[in-house]
Every structure is written in structure tokens, then in C-alpha cells.
Amino acid sequence: MSATTNSRRCVAKAAGALQETLGPRFTAYAVGLRDPGEIDSFARARVWPRSDTADRLCDLHVIAQRLVERNTPDAARAWLVCSSPLLDDRAPVEVLHEQSRAPAPPADARARGVDGFRRVEHAAKAYLDAA
């Protein structure tokens, strides 16, 4: 199976699951899309996002799945959309949205884990560890 097939499968699965857990509006916002309808199009494999959007969808799906595995889907959604003291009182979707609008951080910043996805991932882990 090719990397493209795996990537497309990830995008469709991620978009579908995120529609269920987070809803299309918050999912689109988190990954930097203006049209929430695009999330449904990705889930149904009608169109494919740009590679950076695909990466953000799959990354968000990883975080959401970890939350759902240890909580209910409603609790996972609440954590993703409500402000968190672990993220300077900003919602995880807001941090991810800001990351989607910013130029790519330098490689050394990503390696140190200071990009938006890593910050949200670490906050989710801390939240789950405390639960």
C-alpha cells in the first residue's frame, strides 16, 4: 500500500471521526479551514485537502482519539473547545487554529516541541494523567 493511500485513509478516517466528536465547525476552525463543509467532503473522500491540512487533521484526530479512549466523546469535545490553564487559558482548538495560520515554525522549534500541536498534545497528556 502506498503512502498516498495511507494518507488518504488517515484523512477520511480522521475527518469522519472528528465530525462525530468535535463537529465540523470546530474541526474546520482547528485545522484552518473556512468552510466546515470541507470536513464532510474529506470524510466522504470526495476531495482531498492540501498536505498541511491533511497533517493537521490527522494530528488532531490522534489527540481526540486519546481523549475519547479515556473519556466520553462529550468530555473529549469539552476539553478541546474550553480554555485550559495548561495552554495559557486558551482552548486547544484555538491554539491549533493559530498554528494553522502561522508560518511553519523552524525545525529546531518543532524538535523542542513548541509548535501548537505539540503544546496541545502535551496538555492533553497532562490532563489525562491527572484524571
Protein backbone atom coordinates (compact mmCIF):
# COMPACT_ATOMS: atom_id res chain seq x y z
CA MET A 1 0.00 0.00 0.00
CA SER A 2 1.37 3.40 -0.95
CA ALA A 3 1.99 6.32 1.41
CA THR A 4 -0.65 8.26 -0.54
CA THR A 5 -3.25 5.56 0.10
CA ASN A 6 -2.38 5.51 3.81
CA SER A 7 -2.51 9.31 3.95
CA ARG A 8 -5.90 9.42 2.23
CA ARG A 9 -7.23 6.71 4.51
CA CYS A 10 -5.99 8.70 7.52
CA VAL A 11 -7.65 11.88 6.24
CA ALA A 12 -11.01 10.23 5.57
CA LYS A 13 -10.99 8.38 8.90
CA ALA A 14 -9.83 11.47 10.81
CA ALA A 15 -12.38 13.77 9.18
CA GLY A 16 -15.22 11.33 9.84
CA ALA A 17 -14.27 10.74 13.46
CA LEU A 18 -13.70 14.44 14.14
CA GLN A 19 -17.11 15.29 12.67
CA GLU A 20 -18.61 12.94 15.24
CA THR A 21 -16.54 14.06 18.22
CA LEU A 22 -15.82 17.73 17.65
CA GLY A 23 -18.28 18.68 14.92
CA PRO A 24 -17.41 20.09 11.50
CA ARG A 25 -17.30 23.74 12.60
CA PHE A 26 -14.73 23.27 15.39
CA THR A 27 -12.75 20.78 13.30
CA ALA A 28 -12.54 23.20 10.37
CA TYR A 29 -11.55 26.03 12.71
CA ALA A 30 -8.82 23.97 14.40
CA VAL A 31 -7.19 22.97 11.10
CA GLY A 32 -7.50 26.39 9.49
CA LEU A 33 -10.37 25.90 7.05
CA ARG A 34 -13.10 28.47 6.48
CA ASP A 35 -15.76 26.07 5.21
CA PRO A 36 -16.92 23.36 7.66
CA GLY A 37 -18.47 21.54 4.70
CA GLU A 38 -14.98 20.60 3.57
CA ILE A 39 -14.68 18.27 6.56
CA ASP A 40 -17.62 16.21 5.28
CA SER A 41 -16.11 16.17 1.79
CA PHE A 42 -12.86 14.80 3.21
CA ALA A 43 -14.73 12.20 5.28
CA ARG A 44 -16.59 11.01 2.20
CA ALA A 45 -13.38 11.02 0.14
CA ARG A 46 -14.90 13.45 -2.39
CA VAL A 47 -11.92 15.80 -2.29
CA TRP A 48 -8.51 15.80 -0.62
CA PRO A 49 -7.03 18.59 1.43
CA ARG A 50 -3.63 20.14 0.92
CA SER A 51 -0.90 18.14 2.61
CA ASP A 52 -0.50 20.59 5.52
CA THR A 53 -4.25 20.47 6.20
CA ALA A 54 -4.19 16.67 5.97
CA ASP A 55 -1.38 16.57 8.52
CA ARG A 56 -3.30 18.85 10.89
CA LEU A 57 -6.45 16.73 10.55
CA CYS A 58 -4.57 13.54 11.32
CA ASP A 59 -2.72 15.17 14.24
CA LEU A 60 -5.97 16.49 15.72
CA HIS A 61 -7.52 13.05 15.29
CA VAL A 62 -4.69 11.46 17.30
CA ILE A 63 -5.31 13.86 20.19
CA ALA A 64 -9.10 13.47 20.03
CA GLN A 65 -8.83 9.67 19.96
CA ARG A 66 -6.63 9.64 23.06
CA LEU A 67 -9.20 11.77 24.85
CA VAL A 68 -12.14 9.62 23.70
CA GLU A 69 -10.37 6.41 24.75
CA ARG A 70 -10.17 7.63 28.35
CA ASN A 71 -13.36 9.74 28.48
CA THR A 72 -16.65 10.09 26.70
CA PRO A 73 -16.82 11.82 23.31
CA ASP A 74 -18.64 14.72 25.02
CA ALA A 75 -15.84 15.09 27.59
CA ALA A 76 -13.24 14.99 24.81
CA ARG A 77 -15.11 17.70 22.90
CA ALA A 78 -15.44 19.83 26.02
CA TRP A 79 -11.70 19.60 26.71
CA LEU A 80 -10.86 20.56 23.13
CA VAL A 81 -13.14 23.61 22.99
CA CYS A 82 -12.84 25.00 26.52
CA SER A 83 -9.99 27.11 27.84
CA SER A 84 -7.19 25.26 29.55
CA PRO A 85 -4.77 26.57 32.16
CA LEU A 86 -2.22 24.26 30.56
CA LEU A 87 -2.45 26.40 27.40
CA ASP A 88 -2.41 29.88 28.96
CA ASP A 89 -6.21 29.79 29.33
CA ARG A 90 -6.78 29.22 25.63
CA ALA A 91 -8.80 26.39 24.13
CA PRO A 92 -6.86 23.64 22.37
CA VAL A 93 -8.77 24.31 19.13
CA GLU A 94 -7.70 27.95 19.37
CA VAL A 95 -4.03 27.01 19.79
CA LEU A 96 -4.27 24.65 16.81
CA HIS A 97 -6.06 27.31 14.74
CA GLU A 98 -3.33 29.85 15.45
CA GLN A 99 -0.74 27.25 14.43
CA SER A 100 -2.60 26.68 11.15
CA ARG A 101 -2.41 30.40 10.35
CA ALA A 102 1.23 30.90 11.32
CA PRO A 103 4.18 30.20 9.08
CA ALA A 104 5.77 26.85 9.77
CA PRO A 105 7.98 27.02 12.85
CA PRO A 106 11.67 26.40 12.33
CA ALA A 107 12.78 22.78 12.58
CA ASP A 108 14.52 23.43 15.90
CA ALA A 109 11.27 24.80 17.38
CA ARG A 110 9.37 21.68 16.27
CA ALA A 111 12.13 19.49 17.72
CA ARG A 112 11.80 21.29 21.08
CA GLY A 113 8.04 20.74 20.96
CA VAL A 114 7.00 24.38 20.93
CA ASP A 115 4.66 24.23 17.94
CA GLY A 116 0.90 24.32 18.55
CA PHE A 117 0.27 20.62 18.01
CA ARG A 118 2.98 19.60 20.49
CA ARG A 119 1.69 22.06 23.09
CA VAL A 120 -1.85 20.67 22.77
CA GLU A 121 -0.58 17.10 22.75
CA HIS A 122 1.39 17.70 25.97
CA ALA A 123 -1.58 19.45 27.60
CA ALA A 124 -3.86 16.52 26.67
CA LYS A 125 -1.36 14.07 28.15
CA ALA A 126 -1.15 16.09 31.37
CA TYR A 127 -4.94 16.27 31.54
CA LEU A 128 -5.29 12.53 31.04
CA ASP A 129 -2.53 11.73 33.53
CA ALA A 130 -4.30 13.84 36.17
CA ALA A 131 -7.70 12.21 35.54
